[in-house]
Amino acid sequence: LFIDIGDIPKNMVTPNSENKIYDIPLAMES
């Protein structure tokens, strides 16, 4: 799903022990 969406930076994805993508960043705050 992350690959299909295509334009979300990979460094926004939460690191985890499985080294897979388990979340899709929707928005950020400042």
ModelCIF file with pLDDT and N, C-alpha, C, O atoms, coordinates in Angstrom:
data_MODEL
#
_entry.id   MODEL 
#
_entity.id                         1 
_entity.type                       polymer 
_entity.pdbx_number_of_molecules   1 
#
_entity_poly.entity_id                      1 
_entity_poly.type                           'polypeptide(L)' 
_entity_poly.nstd_linkage                   no 
_entity_poly.nstd_monomer                   no 
_entity_poly.pdbx_seq_one_letter_code       LFIDIGDIPKNMVTPNSENKIYDIPLAMES 
_entity_poly.pdbx_seq_one_letter_code_can   LFIDIGDIPKNMVTPNSENKIYDIPLAMES 
_entity_poly.pdbx_strand_id                 A 
#
loop_
_entity_poly_seq.entity_id 
_entity_poly_seq.num 
_entity_poly_seq.mon_id 
_entity_poly_seq.hetero 
1 1  LEU n 
1 2  PHE n 
1 3  ILE n 
1 4  ASP n 
1 5  ILE n 
1 6  GLY n 
1 7  ASP n 
1 8  ILE n 
1 9  PRO n 
1 10 LYS n 
1 11 ASN n 
1 12 MET n 
1 13 VAL n 
1 14 THR n 
1 15 PRO n 
1 16 ASN n 
1 17 SER n 
1 18 GLU n 
1 19 ASN n 
1 20 LYS n 
1 21 ILE n 
1 22 TYR n 
1 23 ASP n 
1 24 ILE n 
1 25 PRO n 
1 26 LEU n 
1 27 ALA n 
1 28 MET n 
1 29 GLU n 
1 30 SER n 
#
_struct_asym.id          A 
_struct_asym.entity_id   1 
#
loop_
_ma_qa_metric.id 
_ma_qa_metric.mode 
_ma_qa_metric.name 
_ma_qa_metric.software_group_id 
_ma_qa_metric.type 
1 global pLDDT . pLDDT 
2 local  pLDDT . pLDDT 
#
_ma_qa_metric_global.metric_id      1 
_ma_qa_metric_global.metric_value   89.93 
_ma_qa_metric_global.model_id       1 
_ma_qa_metric_global.ordinal_id     1 
#
loop_
_ma_qa_metric_local.label_asym_id 
_ma_qa_metric_local.label_comp_id 
_ma_qa_metric_local.label_seq_id 
_ma_qa_metric_local.metric_id 
_ma_qa_metric_local.metric_value 
_ma_qa_metric_local.model_id 
_ma_qa_metric_local.ordinal_id 
A LEU 1  2 95.00 1 1  
A PHE 2  2 95.00 1 2  
A ILE 3  2 94.00 1 3  
A ASP 4  2 93.00 1 4  
A ILE 5  2 91.00 1 5  
A GLY 6  2 89.00 1 6  
A ASP 7  2 87.00 1 7  
A ILE 8  2 90.00 1 8  
A PRO 9  2 86.00 1 9  
A LYS 10 2 86.00 1 10 
A ASN 11 2 82.00 1 11 
A MET 12 2 88.00 1 12 
A VAL 13 2 91.00 1 13 
A THR 14 2 88.00 1 14 
A PRO 15 2 83.00 1 15 
A ASN 16 2 80.00 1 16 
A SER 17 2 79.00 1 17 
A GLU 18 2 83.00 1 18 
A ASN 19 2 85.00 1 19 
A LYS 20 2 92.00 1 20 
A ILE 21 2 96.00 1 21 
A TYR 22 2 96.00 1 22 
A ASP 23 2 96.00 1 23 
A ILE 24 2 97.00 1 24 
A PRO 25 2 95.00 1 25 
A LEU 26 2 94.00 1 26 
A ALA 27 2 92.00 1 27 
A MET 28 2 91.00 1 28 
A GLU 29 2 91.00 1 29 
A SER 30 2 93.00 1 30 
#
loop_
_atom_site.group_PDB 
_atom_site.id 
_atom_site.type_symbol 
_atom_site.label_atom_id 
_atom_site.label_alt_id 
_atom_site.label_comp_id 
_atom_site.label_asym_id 
_atom_site.label_entity_id 
_atom_site.label_seq_id 
_atom_site.pdbx_PDB_ins_code 
_atom_site.Cartn_x 
_atom_site.Cartn_y 
_atom_site.Cartn_z 
_atom_site.occupancy 
_atom_site.B_iso_or_equiv 
_atom_site.pdbx_formal_charge 
_atom_site.auth_seq_id 
_atom_site.auth_comp_id 
_atom_site.auth_asym_id 
_atom_site.auth_atom_id 
_atom_site.pdbx_PDB_model_num 
ATOM 1   N N  . LEU A 1 1  ? 0.834  -1.197 0.000  1.00 95.00 ? 1  LEU A N  1 
ATOM 2   C CA . LEU A 1 1  ? 0.000  0.000  0.000  1.00 95.00 ? 1  LEU A CA 1 
ATOM 3   C C  . LEU A 1 1  ? 0.870  1.249  0.000  1.00 95.00 ? 1  LEU A C  1 
ATOM 4   O O  . LEU A 1 1  ? 0.566  2.217  -0.696 1.00 95.00 ? 1  LEU A O  1 
ATOM 5   N N  . PHE A 1 2  ? 1.947  1.234  0.773  1.00 95.00 ? 2  PHE A N  1 
ATOM 6   C CA . PHE A 1 2  ? 2.865  2.369  0.828  1.00 95.00 ? 2  PHE A CA 1 
ATOM 7   C C  . PHE A 1 2  ? 3.481  2.630  -0.550 1.00 95.00 ? 2  PHE A C  1 
ATOM 8   O O  . PHE A 1 2  ? 3.597  3.775  -0.987 1.00 95.00 ? 2  PHE A O  1 
ATOM 9   N N  . ILE A 1 3  ? 3.868  1.556  -1.214 1.00 94.00 ? 3  ILE A N  1 
ATOM 10  C CA . ILE A 1 3  ? 4.454  1.678  -2.557 1.00 94.00 ? 3  ILE A CA 1 
ATOM 11  C C  . ILE A 1 3  ? 3.428  2.216  -3.542 1.00 94.00 ? 3  ILE A C  1 
ATOM 12  O O  . ILE A 1 3  ? 3.758  3.052  -4.382 1.00 94.00 ? 3  ILE A O  1 
ATOM 13  N N  . ASP A 1 4  ? 2.192  1.750  -3.452 1.00 93.00 ? 4  ASP A N  1 
ATOM 14  C CA . ASP A 1 4  ? 1.133  2.202  -4.359 1.00 93.00 ? 4  ASP A CA 1 
ATOM 15  C C  . ASP A 1 4  ? 0.862  3.695  -4.204 1.00 93.00 ? 4  ASP A C  1 
ATOM 16  O O  . ASP A 1 4  ? 0.655  4.392  -5.197 1.00 93.00 ? 4  ASP A O  1 
ATOM 17  N N  . ILE A 1 5  ? 0.863  4.193  -2.962 1.00 91.00 ? 5  ILE A N  1 
ATOM 18  C CA . ILE A 1 5  ? 0.609  5.618  -2.734 1.00 91.00 ? 5  ILE A CA 1 
ATOM 19  C C  . ILE A 1 5  ? 1.749  6.443  -3.311 1.00 91.00 ? 5  ILE A C  1 
ATOM 20  O O  . ILE A 1 5  ? 1.507  7.438  -3.995 1.00 91.00 ? 5  ILE A O  1 
ATOM 21  N N  . GLY A 1 6  ? 2.984  6.046  -3.046 1.00 89.00 ? 6  GLY A N  1 
ATOM 22  C CA . GLY A 1 6  ? 4.117  6.507  -3.831 1.00 89.00 ? 6  GLY A CA 1 
ATOM 23  C C  . GLY A 1 6  ? 4.872  7.746  -3.419 1.00 89.00 ? 6  GLY A C  1 
ATOM 24  O O  . GLY A 1 6  ? 6.075  7.805  -3.675 1.00 89.00 ? 6  GLY A O  1 
ATOM 25  N N  . ASP A 1 7  ? 4.258  8.750  -2.796 1.00 87.00 ? 7  ASP A N  1 
ATOM 26  C CA . ASP A 1 7  ? 4.980  10.004 -2.572 1.00 87.00 ? 7  ASP A CA 1 
ATOM 27  C C  . ASP A 1 7  ? 5.119  10.388 -1.099 1.00 87.00 ? 7  ASP A C  1 
ATOM 28  O O  . ASP A 1 7  ? 5.309  11.561 -0.780 1.00 87.00 ? 7  ASP A O  1 
ATOM 29  N N  . ILE A 1 8  ? 5.028  9.412  -0.207 1.00 90.00 ? 8  ILE A N  1 
ATOM 30  C CA . ILE A 1 8  ? 5.277  9.663  1.211  1.00 90.00 ? 8  ILE A CA 1 
ATOM 31  C C  . ILE A 1 8  ? 6.730  9.280  1.511  1.00 90.00 ? 8  ILE A C  1 
ATOM 32  O O  . ILE A 1 8  ? 7.139  8.163  1.195  1.00 90.00 ? 8  ILE A O  1 
ATOM 33  N N  . PRO A 1 9  ? 7.517  10.176 2.113  1.00 86.00 ? 9  PRO A N  1 
ATOM 34  C CA . PRO A 1 9  ? 8.923  9.857  2.396  1.00 86.00 ? 9  PRO A CA 1 
ATOM 35  C C  . PRO A 1 9  ? 9.047  8.631  3.304  1.00 86.00 ? 9  PRO A C  1 
ATOM 36  O O  . PRO A 1 9  ? 8.308  8.493  4.278  1.00 86.00 ? 9  PRO A O  1 
ATOM 37  N N  . LYS A 1 10 ? 9.980  7.755  2.976  1.00 86.00 ? 10 LYS A N  1 
ATOM 38  C CA . LYS A 1 10 ? 10.177 6.530  3.752  1.00 86.00 ? 10 LYS A CA 1 
ATOM 39  C C  . LYS A 1 10 ? 10.615 6.828  5.185  1.00 86.00 ? 10 LYS A C  1 
ATOM 40  O O  . LYS A 1 10 ? 10.344 6.049  6.098  1.00 86.00 ? 10 LYS A O  1 
ATOM 41  N N  . ASN A 1 11 ? 11.304 7.975  5.379  1.00 82.00 ? 11 ASN A N  1 
ATOM 42  C CA . ASN A 1 11 ? 11.792 8.269  6.735  1.00 82.00 ? 11 ASN A CA 1 
ATOM 43  C C  . ASN A 1 11 ? 10.682 8.697  7.686  1.00 82.00 ? 11 ASN A C  1 
ATOM 44  O O  . ASN A 1 11 ? 10.936 8.916  8.870  1.00 82.00 ? 11 ASN A O  1 
ATOM 45  N N  . MET A 1 12 ? 9.451  8.821  7.186  1.00 88.00 ? 12 MET A N  1 
ATOM 46  C CA . MET A 1 12 ? 8.311  9.123  8.052  1.00 88.00 ? 12 MET A CA 1 
ATOM 47  C C  . MET A 1 12 ? 7.642  7.858  8.588  1.00 88.00 ? 12 MET A C  1 
ATOM 48  O O  . MET A 1 12 ? 6.803  7.929  9.486  1.00 88.00 ? 12 MET A O  1 
ATOM 49  N N  . VAL A 1 13 ? 8.010  6.716  8.044  1.00 91.00 ? 13 VAL A N  1 
ATOM 50  C CA . VAL A 1 13 ? 7.438  5.446  8.482  1.00 91.00 ? 13 VAL A CA 1 
ATOM 51  C C  . VAL A 1 13 ? 8.064  5.043  9.808  1.00 91.00 ? 13 VAL A C  1 
ATOM 52  O O  . VAL A 1 13 ? 9.263  5.237  10.009 1.00 91.00 ? 13 VAL A O  1 
ATOM 53  N N  . THR A 1 14 ? 7.273  4.487  10.711 1.00 88.00 ? 14 THR A N  1 
ATOM 54  C CA . THR A 1 14 ? 7.765  4.117  12.037 1.00 88.00 ? 14 THR A CA 1 
ATOM 55  C C  . THR A 1 14 ? 8.683  2.898  11.981 1.00 88.00 ? 14 THR A C  1 
ATOM 56  O O  . THR A 1 14 ? 8.270  1.841  11.505 1.00 88.00 ? 14 THR A O  1 
ATOM 57  N N  . PRO A 1 15 ? 9.924  3.029  12.461 1.00 83.00 ? 15 PRO A N  1 
ATOM 58  C CA . PRO A 1 15 ? 10.824 1.863  12.518 1.00 83.00 ? 15 PRO A CA 1 
ATOM 59  C C  . PRO A 1 15 ? 10.266 0.817  13.482 1.00 83.00 ? 15 PRO A C  1 
ATOM 60  O O  . PRO A 1 15 ? 9.636  1.159  14.483 1.00 83.00 ? 15 PRO A O  1 
ATOM 61  N N  . ASN A 1 16 ? 10.500 -0.446 13.176 1.00 80.00 ? 16 ASN A N  1 
ATOM 62  C CA . ASN A 1 16 ? 10.037 -1.515 14.056 1.00 80.00 ? 16 ASN A CA 1 
ATOM 63  C C  . ASN A 1 16 ? 10.952 -2.719 13.908 1.00 80.00 ? 16 ASN A C  1 
ATOM 64  O O  . ASN A 1 16 ? 11.758 -2.787 12.980 1.00 80.00 ? 16 ASN A O  1 
ATOM 65  N N  . SER A 1 17 ? 10.826 -3.653 14.813 1.00 79.00 ? 17 SER A N  1 
ATOM 66  C CA . SER A 1 17 ? 11.726 -4.808 14.870 1.00 79.00 ? 17 SER A CA 1 
ATOM 67  C C  . SER A 1 17 ? 11.586 -5.731 13.668 1.00 79.00 ? 17 SER A C  1 
ATOM 68  O O  . SER A 1 17 ? 12.502 -6.500 13.376 1.00 79.00 ? 17 SER A O  1 
ATOM 69  N N  . GLU A 1 18 ? 10.457 -5.672 12.964 1.00 83.00 ? 18 GLU A N  1 
ATOM 70  C CA . GLU A 1 18 ? 10.233 -6.550 11.818 1.00 83.00 ? 18 GLU A CA 1 
ATOM 71  C C  . GLU A 1 18 ? 10.802 -5.984 10.522 1.00 83.00 ? 18 GLU A C  1 
ATOM 72  O O  . GLU A 1 18 ? 10.872 -6.679 9.509  1.00 83.00 ? 18 GLU A O  1 
ATOM 73  N N  . ASN A 1 19 ? 11.214 -4.701 10.564 1.00 85.00 ? 19 ASN A N  1 
ATOM 74  C CA . ASN A 1 19 ? 11.757 -4.034 9.384  1.00 85.00 ? 19 ASN A CA 1 
ATOM 75  C C  . ASN A 1 19 ? 10.776 -4.063 8.195  1.00 85.00 ? 19 ASN A C  1 
ATOM 76  O O  . ASN A 1 19 ? 11.177 -4.184 7.038  1.00 85.00 ? 19 ASN A O  1 
ATOM 77  N N  . LYS A 1 20 ? 9.501  -3.949 8.519  1.00 92.00 ? 20 LYS A N  1 
ATOM 78  C CA . LYS A 1 20 ? 8.472  -3.852 7.490  1.00 92.00 ? 20 LYS A CA 1 
ATOM 79  C C  . LYS A 1 20 ? 7.690  -2.564 7.711  1.00 92.00 ? 20 LYS A C  1 
ATOM 80  O O  . LYS A 1 20 ? 7.884  -1.881 8.717  1.00 92.00 ? 20 LYS A O  1 
ATOM 81  N N  . ILE A 1 21 ? 6.813  -2.236 6.781  1.00 96.00 ? 21 ILE A N  1 
ATOM 82  C CA . ILE A 1 21 ? 5.984  -1.038 6.910  1.00 96.00 ? 21 ILE A CA 1 
ATOM 83  C C  . ILE A 1 21 ? 4.644  -1.438 7.504  1.00 96.00 ? 21 ILE A C  1 
ATOM 84  O O  . ILE A 1 21 ? 3.892  -2.216 6.918  1.00 96.00 ? 21 ILE A O  1 
ATOM 85  N N  . TYR A 1 22 ? 4.361  -0.886 8.686  1.00 96.00 ? 22 TYR A N  1 
ATOM 86  C CA . TYR A 1 22 ? 3.107  -1.208 9.365  1.00 96.00 ? 22 TYR A CA 1 
ATOM 87  C C  . TYR A 1 22 ? 2.216  0.027  9.550  1.00 96.00 ? 22 TYR A C  1 
ATOM 88  O O  . TYR A 1 22 ? 1.132  -0.070 10.125 1.00 96.00 ? 22 TYR A O  1 
ATOM 89  N N  . ASP A 1 23 ? 2.671  1.179  9.065  1.00 96.00 ? 23 ASP A N  1 
ATOM 90  C CA . ASP A 1 23 ? 1.845  2.380  9.196  1.00 96.00 ? 23 ASP A CA 1 
ATOM 91  C C  . ASP A 1 23 ? 1.969  3.242  7.946  1.00 96.00 ? 23 ASP A C  1 
ATOM 92  O O  . ASP A 1 23 ? 3.004  3.251  7.279  1.00 96.00 ? 23 ASP A O  1 
ATOM 93  N N  . ILE A 1 24 ? 0.897  3.963  7.643  1.00 97.00 ? 24 ILE A N  1 
ATOM 94  C CA . ILE A 1 24 ? 0.878  4.885  6.515  1.00 97.00 ? 24 ILE A CA 1 
ATOM 95  C C  . ILE A 1 24 ? 0.745  6.298  7.083  1.00 97.00 ? 24 ILE A C  1 
ATOM 96  O O  . ILE A 1 24 ? -0.329 6.660  7.565  1.00 97.00 ? 24 ILE A O  1 
ATOM 97  N N  . PRO A 1 25 ? 1.811  7.109  7.037  1.00 95.00 ? 25 PRO A N  1 
ATOM 98  C CA . PRO A 1 25 ? 1.739  8.482  7.557  1.00 95.00 ? 25 PRO A CA 1 
ATOM 99  C C  . PRO A 1 25 ? 0.723  9.306  6.766  1.00 95.00 ? 25 PRO A C  1 
ATOM 100 O O  . PRO A 1 25 ? 0.844  9.459  5.551  1.00 95.00 ? 25 PRO A O  1 
ATOM 101 N N  . LEU A 1 26 ? -0.270 9.830  7.466  1.00 94.00 ? 26 LEU A N  1 
ATOM 102 C CA . LEU A 1 26 ? -1.317 10.627 6.826  1.00 94.00 ? 26 LEU A CA 1 
ATOM 103 C C  . LEU A 1 26 ? -1.019 12.115 6.929  1.00 94.00 ? 26 LEU A C  1 
ATOM 104 O O  . LEU A 1 26 ? -1.224 12.857 5.969  1.00 94.00 ? 26 LEU A O  1 
ATOM 105 N N  . ALA A 1 27 ? -0.540 12.552 8.077  1.00 92.00 ? 27 ALA A N  1 
ATOM 106 C CA . ALA A 1 27 ? -0.305 13.976 8.293  1.00 92.00 ? 27 ALA A CA 1 
ATOM 107 C C  . ALA A 1 27 ? 0.754  14.161 9.364  1.00 92.00 ? 27 ALA A C  1 
ATOM 108 O O  . ALA A 1 27 ? 1.027  13.257 10.154 1.00 92.00 ? 27 ALA A O  1 
ATOM 109 N N  . MET A 1 28 ? 1.343  15.342 9.378  1.00 91.00 ? 28 MET A N  1 
ATOM 110 C CA . MET A 1 28 ? 2.286  15.674 10.440 1.00 91.00 ? 28 MET A CA 1 
ATOM 111 C C  . MET A 1 28 ? 1.859  16.990 11.083 1.00 91.00 ? 28 MET A C  1 
ATOM 112 O O  . MET A 1 28 ? 1.132  17.785 10.488 1.00 91.00 ? 28 MET A O  1 
ATOM 113 N N  . GLU A 1 29 ? 2.320  17.198 12.291 1.00 91.00 ? 29 GLU A N  1 
ATOM 114 C CA . GLU A 1 29 ? 2.043  18.434 13.015 1.00 91.00 ? 29 GLU A CA 1 
ATOM 115 C C  . GLU A 1 29 ? 3.347  19.206 13.170 1.00 91.00 ? 29 GLU A C  1 
ATOM 116 O O  . GLU A 1 29 ? 4.437  18.664 12.990 1.00 91.00 ? 29 GLU A O  1 
ATOM 117 N N  . SER A 1 30 ? 3.209  20.470 13.504 1.00 93.00 ? 30 SER A N  1 
ATOM 118 C CA . SER A 1 30 ? 4.376  21.290 13.833 1.00 93.00 ? 30 SER A CA 1 
ATOM 119 C C  . SER A 1 30 ? 4.030  22.026 15.116 1.00 93.00 ? 30 SER A C  1 
ATOM 120 O O  . SER A 1 30 ? 4.844  22.796 15.625 1.00 93.00 ? 30 SER A O  1 
#
